[in-house]
Amino acid sequence: MSEPVWWPRAVAWIEANLDGRVRTGEIERVRERPWSTVATVPTTTGPVWFKANGPGLLYEAGLLRALGSLAPDRVITPLAVQVERGWSLLPDGGRTLRESAQDGLAAWERLLSEYAVLQRELVAHTPDFLGLGVPDLSPATLPGHLDRLLGEHELPEIAEQRPRLGELCAELGGSPVPLGLQHDDLHDANVLVDAQGRYRFFDWGDASIAHPFTTLLVSLRVAARRFELDQEAPEMLRLRDAYLEPWSDLGTPAELRRTLALTTKVGAISRALAWERALLGADESALAEWAEAVPGWLGELVNGPDLAARR
């Protein structure tokens, strides 16, 4: 991998922020994508991880610092962040849930339940997260985002459904569930299991302020593939209900399931926007490689059940 022009500055910043640790080997860039560069730093107390976000995801560094202060038992608290550059330096948090021996359905139920509890705990801090630059993808904003995307991508099937999609966004906007932070790419490879068996959520680069249930668009799809299950299988419904239970004071089971169905429909707009942010500033080869990401997610808007006919 060729060395980015900013890499020497990053190495100096890493060295200055190891918090008493001593580096024992070379800093290795282990992943380079248009949206981030990740490096591992061997030290006397174990590996430290460096992440440099691309221009569309700079807000993650400030968000990580805020989450480390607000929920230190549920996330990895960074050693240091450089907000303007989107840099973060984090201690090792253990193995991912996917890498662990406990990655079964029961672990996924716990993952989704604990994540929902975290979302509720963080609701009061939604204005602070917006102030950090976390994107506002509340239901009221989604039709405008969709109109802009349709102006940039020729997708006549979706354009035909635009009025109905607007109605679904409006219905979602009437949900009693408060807007809050949603991860948008939550699955077993973005959850760490530490030595005490605690789950810690990481990789918040796709996060937004939205209807909280939007997260499950990705989470339930990954789980269905992981366990080779249909979305309506009893095991999948238990995962859904494990997530919804912490919200049970805000609606009947039928109302919450309806709301979840809405978010997993119009949430495709959020996923398209996440990819758009991820590819901001990417070079031509990267844009060509990931060219279908944005229109591909928008295409999901015309797939699946007709929710307008289901109440």
C-alpha atoms as a PDB file:
ATOM      1  CA  MET A   1       0.000   0.000   0.000  1.00  0.00           C
ATOM      2  CA  SER A   2       1.372   3.400  -0.927  1.00  0.00           C
ATOM      3  CA  GLU A   3       1.839   5.788   1.971  1.00  0.00           C
ATOM      4  CA  PRO A   4      -0.734   8.611   2.235  1.00  0.00           C
ATOM      5  CA  VAL A   5       0.797  12.080   2.253  1.00  0.00           C
ATOM      6  CA  TRP A   6      -0.616  12.692   5.729  1.00  0.00           C
ATOM      7  CA  TRP A   7       0.805   9.487   7.202  1.00  0.00           C
ATOM      8  CA  PRO A   8       4.007  10.966   8.763  1.00  0.00           C
ATOM      9  CA  ARG A   9       1.850  13.494  10.651  1.00  0.00           C
ATOM     10  CA  ALA A  10      -0.402  10.683  11.825  1.00  0.00           C
ATOM     11  CA  VAL A  11       2.562   8.637  13.078  1.00  0.00           C
ATOM     12  CA  ALA A  12       3.828  11.612  15.069  1.00  0.00           C
ATOM     13  CA  TRP A  13       0.341  12.162  16.527  1.00  0.00           C
ATOM     14  CA  ILE A  14       0.053   8.488  17.461  1.00  0.00           C
ATOM     15  CA  GLU A  15       3.449   8.558  19.193  1.00  0.00           C
ATOM     16  CA  ALA A  16       2.422  11.632  21.167  1.00  0.00           C
ATOM     17  CA  ASN A  17      -0.834  10.081  22.404  1.00  0.00           C
ATOM     18  CA  LEU A  18       0.058   6.550  23.543  1.00  0.00           C
ATOM     19  CA  ASP A  19      -0.674   7.560  27.148  1.00  0.00           C
ATOM     20  CA  GLY A  20       2.481   6.084  28.659  1.00  0.00           C
ATOM     21  CA  ARG A  21       2.585   3.009  26.442  1.00  0.00           C
ATOM     22  CA  VAL A  22       5.787   2.192  24.573  1.00  0.00           C
ATOM     23  CA  ARG A  23       5.610   1.153  20.947  1.00  0.00           C
ATOM     24  CA  THR A  24       7.271  -2.223  20.385  1.00  0.00           C
ATOM     25  CA  GLY A  25       7.100  -2.538  16.609  1.00  0.00           C
ATOM     26  CA  GLU A  26       6.115  -0.910  13.366  1.00  0.00           C
ATOM     27  CA  ILE A  27       2.754   0.762  12.941  1.00  0.00           C
ATOM     28  CA  GLU A  28       0.911  -1.266  10.296  1.00  0.00           C
ATOM     29  CA  ARG A  29      -1.920   0.011   8.143  1.00  0.00           C
ATOM     30  CA  VAL A  30      -4.188  -3.033   8.030  1.00  0.00           C
ATOM     31  CA  ARG A  31      -7.120  -1.597   6.075  1.00  0.00           C
ATOM     32  CA  GLU A  32      -7.404   1.247   3.610  1.00  0.00           C
ATOM     33  CA  ARG A  33     -10.762   2.109   2.123  1.00  0.00           C
ATOM     34  CA  PRO A  34     -12.173   5.312   0.653  1.00  0.00           C
ATOM     35  CA  TRP A  35     -13.991   5.933   3.943  1.00  0.00           C
ATOM     36  CA  SER A  36     -11.223   5.127   6.450  1.00  0.00           C
ATOM     37  CA  THR A  37      -7.697   3.922   7.109  1.00  0.00           C
ATOM     38  CA  VAL A  38      -7.142   1.607  10.076  1.00  0.00           C
ATOM     39  CA  ALA A  39      -3.735   0.833  11.580  1.00  0.00           C
ATOM     40  CA  THR A  40      -2.529  -1.280  14.472  1.00  0.00           C
ATOM     41  CA  VAL A  41       0.163  -0.107  16.874  1.00  0.00           C
ATOM     42  CA  PRO A  42       1.971  -2.791  18.943  1.00  0.00           C
ATOM     43  CA  THR A  43       2.762  -1.582  22.459  1.00  0.00           C
ATOM     44  CA  THR A  44       3.978  -2.915  25.785  1.00  0.00           C
ATOM     45  CA  THR A  45       0.372  -3.250  27.011  1.00  0.00           C
ATOM     46  CA  GLY A  46      -1.107  -4.725  23.851  1.00  0.00           C
ATOM     47  CA  PRO A  47      -2.233  -3.332  20.510  1.00  0.00           C
ATOM     48  CA  VAL A  48      -3.620   0.147  20.057  1.00  0.00           C
ATOM     49  CA  TRP A  49      -5.797   0.989  17.063  1.00  0.00           C
ATOM     50  CA  PHE A  50      -5.650   4.116  14.928  1.00  0.00           C
ATOM     51  CA  LYS A  51      -8.454   5.174  12.595  1.00  0.00           C
ATOM     52  CA  ALA A  52      -8.479   8.023  10.100  1.00  0.00           C
ATOM     53  CA  ASN A  53     -11.894   8.767   8.635  1.00  0.00           C
ATOM     54  CA  GLY A  54     -12.529  10.070   5.151  1.00  0.00           C
ATOM     55  CA  PRO A  55     -13.952  13.570   4.605  1.00  0.00           C
ATOM     56  CA  GLY A  56     -17.589  12.446   4.763  1.00  0.00           C
ATOM     57  CA  LEU A  57     -17.186  10.729   8.145  1.00  0.00           C
ATOM     58  CA  LEU A  58     -15.002  13.128  10.135  1.00  0.00           C
ATOM     59  CA  TYR A  59     -17.674  13.425  12.825  1.00  0.00           C
ATOM     60  CA  GLU A  60     -16.969   9.911  14.109  1.00  0.00           C
ATOM     61  CA  ALA A  61     -13.915  11.036  16.086  1.00  0.00           C
ATOM     62  CA  GLY A  62     -15.879  13.562  18.155  1.00  0.00           C
ATOM     63  CA  LEU A  63     -18.737  11.090  18.546  1.00  0.00           C
ATOM     64  CA  LEU A  64     -16.361   8.426  19.895  1.00  0.00           C
ATOM     65  CA  ARG A  65     -15.080  10.858  22.500  1.00  0.00           C
ATOM     66  CA  ALA A  66     -18.622  11.771  23.554  1.00  0.00           C
ATOM     67  CA  LEU A  67     -19.736   8.138  23.749  1.00  0.00           C
ATOM     68  CA  GLY A  68     -16.653   7.220  25.768  1.00  0.00           C
ATOM     69  CA  SER A  69     -17.656   9.844  28.312  1.00  0.00           C
ATOM     70  CA  LEU A  70     -21.362   8.988  28.357  1.00  0.00           C
ATOM     71  CA  ALA A  71     -21.279   5.179  28.127  1.00  0.00           C
ATOM     72  CA  PRO A  72     -17.766   3.907  28.958  1.00  0.00           C
ATOM     73  CA  ASP A  73     -19.017   0.389  29.740  1.00  0.00           C
ATOM     74  CA  ARG A  74     -20.706   0.004  26.355  1.00  0.00           C
ATOM     75  CA  VAL A  75     -18.152   1.490  23.939  1.00  0.00           C
ATOM     76  CA  ILE A  76     -14.382   1.791  23.597  1.00  0.00           C
ATOM     77  CA  THR A  77     -13.181   5.042  25.158  1.00  0.00           C
ATOM     78  CA  PRO A  78     -10.540   6.586  22.888  1.00  0.00           C
ATOM     79  CA  LEU A  79      -7.089   7.455  24.164  1.00  0.00           C
ATOM     80  CA  ALA A  80      -7.160  10.546  21.958  1.00  0.00           C
ATOM     81  CA  VAL A  81      -9.068  12.087  19.078  1.00  0.00           C
ATOM     82  CA  GLN A  82      -8.214  14.765  16.538  1.00  0.00           C
ATOM     83  CA  VAL A  83     -11.675  15.968  15.607  1.00  0.00           C
ATOM     84  CA  GLU A  84     -10.763  18.225  12.699  1.00  0.00           C
ATOM     85  CA  ARG A  85      -8.887  15.424  10.924  1.00  0.00           C
ATOM     86  CA  GLY A  86     -11.244  12.635  11.961  1.00  0.00           C
ATOM     87  CA  TRP A  87      -8.473  10.719  13.745  1.00  0.00           C
ATOM     88  CA  SER A  88      -9.006   8.452  16.734  1.00  0.00           C
ATOM     89  CA  LEU A  89      -6.682   6.265  18.800  1.00  0.00           C
ATOM     90  CA  LEU A  90      -8.275   3.459  20.776  1.00  0.00           C
ATOM     91  CA  PRO A  91      -7.104   0.696  23.119  1.00  0.00           C
ATOM     92  CA  ASP A  92      -7.764  -2.888  22.129  1.00  0.00           C
ATOM     93  CA  GLY A  93     -11.265  -3.997  23.086  1.00  0.00           C
ATOM     94  CA  GLY A  94     -10.971  -7.756  22.700  1.00  0.00           C
ATOM     95  CA  ARG A  95     -12.354 -10.039  20.020  1.00  0.00           C
ATOM     96  CA  THR A  96     -15.401  -9.264  17.959  1.00  0.00           C
ATOM     97  CA  LEU A  97     -18.528 -11.227  18.741  1.00  0.00           C
ATOM     98  CA  ARG A  98     -18.206 -12.860  15.304  1.00  0.00           C
ATOM     99  CA  GLU A  99     -14.743 -14.116  16.239  1.00  0.00           C
ATOM    100  CA  SER A 100     -15.842 -15.456  19.607  1.00  0.00           C
ATOM    101  CA  ALA A 101     -17.153 -18.915  20.356  1.00  0.00           C
ATOM    102  CA  GLN A 102     -20.443 -17.498  21.671  1.00  0.00           C
ATOM    103  CA  ASP A 103     -21.748 -16.031  18.406  1.00  0.00           C
ATOM    104  CA  GLY A 104     -25.129 -17.762  18.443  1.00  0.00           C
ATOM    105  CA  LEU A 105     -28.733 -16.599  18.447  1.00  0.00           C
ATOM    106  CA  ALA A 106     -28.693 -16.000  22.212  1.00  0.00           C
ATOM    107  CA  ALA A 107     -25.688 -13.696  21.795  1.00  0.00           C
ATOM    108  CA  TRP A 108     -27.511 -11.792  19.066  1.00  0.00           C
ATOM    109  CA  GLU A 109     -30.563 -11.393  21.306  1.00  0.00           C
ATOM    110  CA  ARG A 110     -28.330  -9.928  23.990  1.00  0.00           C
ATOM    111  CA  LEU A 111     -26.559  -7.702  21.442  1.00  0.00           C
ATOM    112  CA  LEU A 112     -29.807  -6.176  20.179  1.00  0.00           C
ATOM    113  CA  SER A 113     -31.334  -5.784  23.626  1.00  0.00           C
ATOM    114  CA  GLU A 114     -28.263  -4.079  25.096  1.00  0.00           C
ATOM    115  CA  TYR A 115     -27.986  -1.840  22.056  1.00  0.00           C
ATOM    116  CA  ALA A 116     -31.619  -0.730  22.430  1.00  0.00           C
ATOM    117  CA  VAL A 117     -30.991   0.081  26.101  1.00  0.00           C
ATOM    118  CA  LEU A 118     -27.956   2.149  25.092  1.00  0.00           C
ATOM    119  CA  GLN A 119     -30.022   4.039  22.522  1.00  0.00           C
ATOM    120  CA  ARG A 120     -32.605   4.937  25.152  1.00  0.00           C
ATOM    121  CA  GLU A 121     -29.926   6.060  27.602  1.00  0.00           C
ATOM    122  CA  LEU A 122     -28.469   8.390  24.966  1.00  0.00           C
ATOM    123  CA  VAL A 123     -31.714  10.033  23.794  1.00  0.00           C
ATOM    124  CA  ALA A 124     -31.218  13.090  25.988  1.00  0.00           C
ATOM    125  CA  HIS A 125     -27.911  13.771  24.241  1.00  0.00           C
ATOM    126  CA  THR A 126     -29.338  13.873  20.703  1.00  0.00           C
ATOM    127  CA  PRO A 127     -28.833  17.672  20.367  1.00  0.00           C
ATOM    128  CA  ASP A 128     -25.205  17.257  21.455  1.00  0.00           C
ATOM    129  CA  PHE A 129     -24.590  14.612  18.792  1.00  0.00           C
ATOM    130  CA  LEU A 130     -26.087  16.855  16.125  1.00  0.00           C
ATOM    131  CA  GLY A 131     -23.732  19.574  17.317  1.00  0.00           C
ATOM    132  CA  LEU A 132     -20.819  17.214  16.682  1.00  0.00           C
ATOM    133  CA  GLY A 133     -21.850  16.908  13.038  1.00  0.00           C
ATOM    134  CA  VAL A 134     -23.654  13.569  13.217  1.00  0.00           C
ATOM    135  CA  PRO A 135     -26.064  13.681  10.232  1.00  0.00           C
ATOM    136  CA  ASP A 136     -29.713  14.521  10.822  1.00  0.00           C
ATOM    137  CA  LEU A 137     -31.665  11.778   9.043  1.00  0.00           C
ATOM    138  CA  SER A 138     -34.910  12.193  10.927  1.00  0.00           C
ATOM    139  CA  PRO A 139     -38.019  11.027   9.029  1.00  0.00           C
ATOM    140  CA  ALA A 140     -38.913  14.626   8.127  1.00  0.00           C
ATOM    141  CA  THR A 141     -35.608  15.025   6.258  1.00  0.00           C
ATOM    142  CA  LEU A 142     -35.743  11.782   4.259  1.00  0.00           C
ATOM    143  CA  PRO A 143     -38.081  12.923   1.423  1.00  0.00           C
ATOM    144  CA  GLY A 144     -35.806  15.876   0.658  1.00  0.00           C
ATOM    145  CA  HIS A 145     -32.751  13.632   0.647  1.00  0.00           C
ATOM    146  CA  LEU A 146     -34.565  11.195  -1.612  1.00  0.00           C
ATOM    147  CA  ASP A 147     -35.526  13.933  -4.063  1.00  0.00           C
ATOM    148  CA  ARG A 148     -31.903  15.029  -4.334  1.00  0.00           C
ATOM    149  CA  LEU A 149     -30.687  11.470  -4.863  1.00  0.00           C
ATOM    150  CA  LEU A 150     -33.324  10.846  -7.518  1.00  0.00           C
ATOM    151  CA  GLY A 151     -32.089  13.950  -9.287  1.00  0.00           C
ATOM    152  CA  GLU A 152     -28.587  12.447  -9.384  1.00  0.00           C
ATOM    153  CA  HIS A 153     -29.506   8.864 -10.271  1.00  0.00           C
ATOM    154  CA  GLU A 154     -31.904   7.775 -12.985  1.00  0.00           C
ATOM    155  CA  LEU A 155     -34.246   5.454 -11.088  1.00  0.00           C
ATOM    156  CA  PRO A 156     -37.710   5.749 -12.662  1.00  0.00           C
ATOM    157  CA  GLU A 157     -39.258   2.904 -10.630  1.00  0.00           C
ATOM    158  CA  ILE A 158     -38.416   4.697  -7.404  1.00  0.00           C
ATOM    159  CA  ALA A 159     -39.520   8.077  -8.759  1.00  0.00           C
ATOM    160  CA  GLU A 160     -42.940   6.549  -9.475  1.00  0.00           C
ATOM    161  CA  GLN A 161     -43.193   5.485  -5.825  1.00  0.00           C
ATOM    162  CA  ARG A 162     -42.052   8.841  -4.440  1.00  0.00           C
ATOM    163  CA  PRO A 163     -45.529   9.944  -3.167  1.00  0.00           C
ATOM    164  CA  ARG A 164     -46.049   6.664  -1.316  1.00  0.00           C
ATOM    165  CA  LEU A 165     -42.562   6.820   0.185  1.00  0.00           C
ATOM    166  CA  GLY A 166     -43.303  10.332   1.399  1.00  0.00           C
ATOM    167  CA  GLU A 167     -46.416   9.036   3.127  1.00  0.00           C
ATOM    168  CA  LEU A 168     -44.415   6.310   4.864  1.00  0.00           C
ATOM    169  CA  CYS A 169     -41.865   8.866   6.086  1.00  0.00           C
ATOM    170  CA  ALA A 170     -44.689  11.042   7.418  1.00  0.00           C
ATOM    171  CA  GLU A 171     -46.206   8.078   9.238  1.00  0.00           C
ATOM    172  CA  LEU A 172     -42.828   7.239  10.739  1.00  0.00           C
ATOM    173  CA  GLY A 173     -42.442  10.847  11.827  1.00  0.00           C
ATOM    174  CA  GLY A 174     -45.533  10.435  14.008  1.00  0.00           C
ATOM    175  CA  SER A 175     -43.965   7.645  16.051  1.00  0.00           C
ATOM    176  CA  PRO A 176     -43.846   8.255  19.823  1.00  0.00           C
ATOM    177  CA  VAL A 177     -40.351   6.727  19.887  1.00  0.00           C
ATOM    178  CA  PRO A 178     -37.944   9.682  20.206  1.00  0.00           C
ATOM    179  CA  LEU A 179     -35.279  10.357  17.619  1.00  0.00           C
ATOM    180  CA  GLY A 180     -31.803   9.336  18.648  1.00  0.00           C
ATOM    181  CA  LEU A 181     -28.439   7.932  17.703  1.00  0.00           C
ATOM    182  CA  GLN A 182     -28.530   4.897  15.471  1.00  0.00           C
ATOM    183  CA  HIS A 183     -25.444   2.944  14.411  1.00  0.00           C
ATOM    184  CA  ASP A 184     -26.674   2.008  10.898  1.00  0.00           C
ATOM    185  CA  ASP A 185     -24.188  -0.865  10.472  1.00  0.00           C
ATOM    186  CA  LEU A 186     -24.681  -2.908  13.633  1.00  0.00           C
ATOM    187  CA  HIS A 187     -23.795  -6.596  13.444  1.00  0.00           C
ATOM    188  CA  ASP A 188     -21.603  -9.167  15.180  1.00  0.00           C
ATOM    189  CA  ALA A 189     -18.381  -7.852  13.616  1.00  0.00           C
ATOM    190  CA  ASN A 190     -18.982  -4.387  15.085  1.00  0.00           C
ATOM    191  CA  VAL A 191     -19.414  -5.598  18.658  1.00  0.00           C
ATOM    192  CA  LEU A 192     -16.411  -6.431  20.841  1.00  0.00           C
ATOM    193  CA  VAL A 193     -16.406  -8.915  23.723  1.00  0.00           C
ATOM    194  CA  ASP A 194     -13.936  -7.880  26.416  1.00  0.00           C
ATOM    195  CA  ALA A 195     -12.266 -10.010  29.076  1.00  0.00           C
ATOM    196  CA  GLN A 196     -15.234  -9.528  31.431  1.00  0.00           C
ATOM    197  CA  GLY A 197     -17.697 -10.672  28.779  1.00  0.00           C
ATOM    198  CA  ARG A 198     -19.087  -7.179  28.245  1.00  0.00           C
ATOM    199  CA  TYR A 199     -20.332  -6.171  24.819  1.00  0.00           C
ATOM    200  CA  ARG A 200     -18.916  -2.924  23.476  1.00  0.00           C
ATOM    201  CA  PHE A 201     -20.248  -1.303  20.321  1.00  0.00           C
ATOM    202  CA  PHE A 202     -17.744   0.218  17.913  1.00  0.00           C
ATOM    203  CA  ASP A 203     -17.295   1.511  14.336  1.00  0.00           C
ATOM    204  CA  TRP A 204     -19.790   4.396  14.487  1.00  0.00           C
ATOM    205  CA  GLY A 205     -18.783   5.910  11.140  1.00  0.00           C
ATOM    206  CA  ASP A 206     -22.205   5.347   9.546  1.00  0.00           C
ATOM    207  CA  ALA A 207     -24.135   6.681  12.545  1.00  0.00           C
ATOM    208  CA  SER A 208     -26.891   9.245  12.236  1.00  0.00           C
ATOM    209  CA  ILE A 209     -29.662  10.859  14.233  1.00  0.00           C
ATOM    210  CA  ALA A 210     -32.790   9.125  13.029  1.00  0.00           C
ATOM    211  CA  HIS A 211     -35.615   6.946  14.178  1.00  0.00           C
ATOM    212  CA  PRO A 212     -33.701   4.491  16.413  1.00  0.00           C
ATOM    213  CA  PHE A 213     -35.253   1.401  14.843  1.00  0.00           C
ATOM    214  CA  THR A 214     -33.527   2.177  11.525  1.00  0.00           C
ATOM    215  CA  THR A 215     -30.510   0.181  12.701  1.00  0.00           C
ATOM    216  CA  LEU A 216     -32.355  -3.106  12.311  1.00  0.00           C
ATOM    217  CA  LEU A 217     -32.452  -2.847   8.517  1.00  0.00           C
ATOM    218  CA  VAL A 218     -28.834  -4.003   8.485  1.00  0.00           C
ATOM    219  CA  SER A 219     -28.773  -5.963  11.740  1.00  0.00           C
ATOM    220  CA  LEU A 220     -31.593  -8.345  10.888  1.00  0.00           C
ATOM    221  CA  ARG A 221     -30.334  -8.894   7.331  1.00  0.00           C
ATOM    222  CA  VAL A 222     -26.898  -9.846   8.583  1.00  0.00           C
ATOM    223  CA  ALA A 223     -28.400 -12.165  11.210  1.00  0.00           C
ATOM    224  CA  ALA A 224     -30.633 -13.848   8.618  1.00  0.00           C
ATOM    225  CA  ARG A 225     -27.603 -14.542   6.410  1.00  0.00           C
ATOM    226  CA  ARG A 226     -25.476 -15.594   9.373  1.00  0.00           C
ATOM    227  CA  PHE A 227     -28.000 -18.214  10.535  1.00  0.00           C
ATOM    228  CA  GLU A 228     -29.478 -19.006   7.094  1.00  0.00           C
ATOM    229  CA  LEU A 229     -32.973 -18.065   8.185  1.00  0.00           C
ATOM    230  CA  ASP A 230     -35.933 -16.398   6.545  1.00  0.00           C
ATOM    231  CA  GLN A 231     -36.805 -13.005   8.032  1.00  0.00           C
ATOM    232  CA  GLU A 232     -40.116 -14.425   9.269  1.00  0.00           C
ATOM    233  CA  ALA A 233     -38.554 -17.477  10.939  1.00  0.00           C
ATOM    234  CA  PRO A 234     -39.381 -17.810  14.657  1.00  0.00           C
ATOM    235  CA  GLU A 235     -35.720 -17.314  15.553  1.00  0.00           C
ATOM    236  CA  MET A 236     -35.618 -14.033  13.646  1.00  0.00           C
ATOM    237  CA  LEU A 237     -38.811 -12.843  15.292  1.00  0.00           C
ATOM    238  CA  ARG A 238     -37.195 -13.476  18.687  1.00  0.00           C
ATOM    239  CA  LEU A 239     -34.291 -11.250  17.660  1.00  0.00           C
ATOM    240  CA  ARG A 240     -36.740  -8.562  16.581  1.00  0.00           C
ATOM    241  CA  ASP A 241     -38.631  -8.795  19.854  1.00  0.00           C
ATOM    242  CA  ALA A 242     -35.420  -8.724  21.922  1.00  0.00           C
ATOM    243  CA  TYR A 243     -34.677  -5.347  20.374  1.00  0.00           C
ATOM    244  CA  LEU A 244     -38.229  -4.014  20.740  1.00  0.00           C
ATOM    245  CA  GLU A 245     -38.713  -5.050  24.385  1.00  0.00           C
ATOM    246  CA  PRO A 246     -36.790  -2.068  25.869  1.00  0.00           C
ATOM    247  CA  TRP A 247     -39.171   0.221  23.940  1.00  0.00           C
ATOM    248  CA  SER A 248     -42.328  -1.578  25.082  1.00  0.00           C
ATOM    249  CA  ASP A 249     -43.605   1.334  27.176  1.00  0.00           C
ATOM    250  CA  LEU A 250     -43.938   3.445  24.014  1.00  0.00           C
ATOM    251  CA  GLY A 251     -46.449   1.353  22.125  1.00  0.00           C
ATOM    252  CA  THR A 252     -48.244  -1.936  21.827  1.00  0.00           C
ATOM    253  CA  PRO A 253     -46.347  -4.857  20.261  1.00  0.00           C
ATOM    254  CA  ALA A 254     -48.315  -4.368  17.039  1.00  0.00           C
ATOM    255  CA  GLU A 255     -47.539  -0.633  16.949  1.00  0.00           C
ATOM    256  CA  LEU A 256     -43.835  -1.192  17.532  1.00  0.00           C
ATOM    257  CA  ARG A 257     -43.693  -3.888  14.864  1.00  0.00           C
ATOM    258  CA  ARG A 258     -45.411  -1.555  12.410  1.00  0.00           C
ATOM    259  CA  THR A 259     -42.879   1.163  13.225  1.00  0.00           C
ATOM    260  CA  LEU A 260     -40.021  -1.267  12.725  1.00  0.00           C
ATOM    261  CA  ALA A 261     -41.448  -2.280   9.345  1.00  0.00           C
ATOM    262  CA  LEU A 262     -41.502   1.378   8.321  1.00  0.00           C
ATOM    263  CA  THR A 263     -37.884   1.952   9.346  1.00  0.00           C
ATOM    264  CA  THR A 264     -36.647  -1.133   7.541  1.00  0.00           C
ATOM    265  CA  LYS A 265     -38.361   0.171   4.406  1.00  0.00           C
ATOM    266  CA  VAL A 266     -37.420   3.866   4.271  1.00  0.00           C
ATOM    267  CA  GLY A 267     -34.160   3.133   6.079  1.00  0.00           C
ATOM    268  CA  ALA A 268     -32.776   2.265   2.657  1.00  0.00           C
ATOM    269  CA  ILE A 269     -32.536   6.039   2.104  1.00  0.00           C
ATOM    270  CA  SER A 270     -30.291   6.277   5.179  1.00  0.00           C
ATOM    271  CA  ARG A 271     -28.087   3.479   3.883  1.00  0.00           C
ATOM    272  CA  ALA A 272     -27.756   5.176   0.488  1.00  0.00           C
ATOM    273  CA  LEU A 273     -26.756   8.395   2.247  1.00  0.00           C
ATOM    274  CA  ALA A 274     -24.226   6.536   4.407  1.00  0.00           C
ATOM    275  CA  TRP A 275     -22.548   5.234   1.260  1.00  0.00           C
ATOM    276  CA  GLU A 276     -22.631   8.681  -0.288  1.00  0.00           C
ATOM    277  CA  ARG A 277     -20.793  10.076   2.750  1.00  0.00           C
ATOM    278  CA  ALA A 278     -18.358   7.157   2.721  1.00  0.00           C
ATOM    279  CA  LEU A 279     -17.389   7.842  -0.890  1.00  0.00           C
ATOM    280  CA  LEU A 280     -17.015  11.598  -0.551  1.00  0.00           C
ATOM    281  CA  GLY A 281     -13.610  12.523  -1.910  1.00  0.00           C
ATOM    282  CA  ALA A 282     -12.904   9.018  -3.259  1.00  0.00           C
ATOM    283  CA  ASP A 283     -10.774   8.704  -6.383  1.00  0.00           C
ATOM    284  CA  GLU A 284     -12.101   7.468  -9.715  1.00  0.00           C
ATOM    285  CA  SER A 285     -11.074   3.848  -9.192  1.00  0.00           C
ATOM    286  CA  ALA A 286     -12.816   3.680  -5.825  1.00  0.00           C
ATOM    287  CA  LEU A 287     -15.922   5.342  -7.206  1.00  0.00           C
ATOM    288  CA  ALA A 288     -15.985   2.786 -10.010  1.00  0.00           C
ATOM    289  CA  GLU A 289     -15.572  -0.111  -7.564  1.00  0.00           C
ATOM    290  CA  TRP A 290     -18.422   1.042  -5.322  1.00  0.00           C
ATOM    291  CA  ALA A 291     -20.549   2.695  -7.999  1.00  0.00           C
ATOM    292  CA  GLU A 292     -23.625   0.578  -7.295  1.00  0.00           C
ATOM    293  CA  ALA A 293     -23.744   1.160  -3.549  1.00  0.00           C
ATOM    294  CA  VAL A 294     -25.973   4.249  -3.554  1.00  0.00           C
ATOM    295  CA  PRO A 295     -28.418   3.258  -6.339  1.00  0.00           C
ATOM    296  CA  GLY A 296     -28.376  -0.307  -5.043  1.00  0.00           C
ATOM    297  CA  TRP A 297     -29.706   0.729  -1.656  1.00  0.00           C
ATOM    298  CA  LEU A 298     -32.219   3.072  -3.234  1.00  0.00           C
ATOM    299  CA  GLY A 299     -33.458   0.109  -5.230  1.00  0.00           C
ATOM    300  CA  GLU A 300     -34.489  -1.511  -1.950  1.00  0.00           C
ATOM    301  CA  LEU A 301     -37.259   1.076  -1.697  1.00  0.00           C
ATOM    302  CA  VAL A 302     -39.288  -0.756  -4.321  1.00  0.00           C
ATOM    303  CA  ASN A 303     -38.635  -4.236  -2.909  1.00  0.00           C
ATOM    304  CA  GLY A 304     -40.447  -6.008  -0.135  1.00  0.00           C
ATOM    305  CA  PRO A 305     -44.052  -5.742   1.097  1.00  0.00           C
ATOM    306  CA  ASP A 306     -46.332  -2.835   0.283  1.00  0.00           C
ATOM    307  CA  LEU A 307     -46.444  -1.208   3.707  1.00  0.00           C
ATOM    308  CA  ALA A 308     -48.889   1.464   2.592  1.00  0.00           C
ATOM    309  CA  ALA A 309     -51.553  -1.213   2.487  1.00  0.00           C
ATOM    310  CA  ARG A 310     -50.703  -2.600   5.939  1.00  0.00           C
ATOM    311  CA  ARG A 311     -51.797  -0.919   9.149  1.00  0.00           C
END
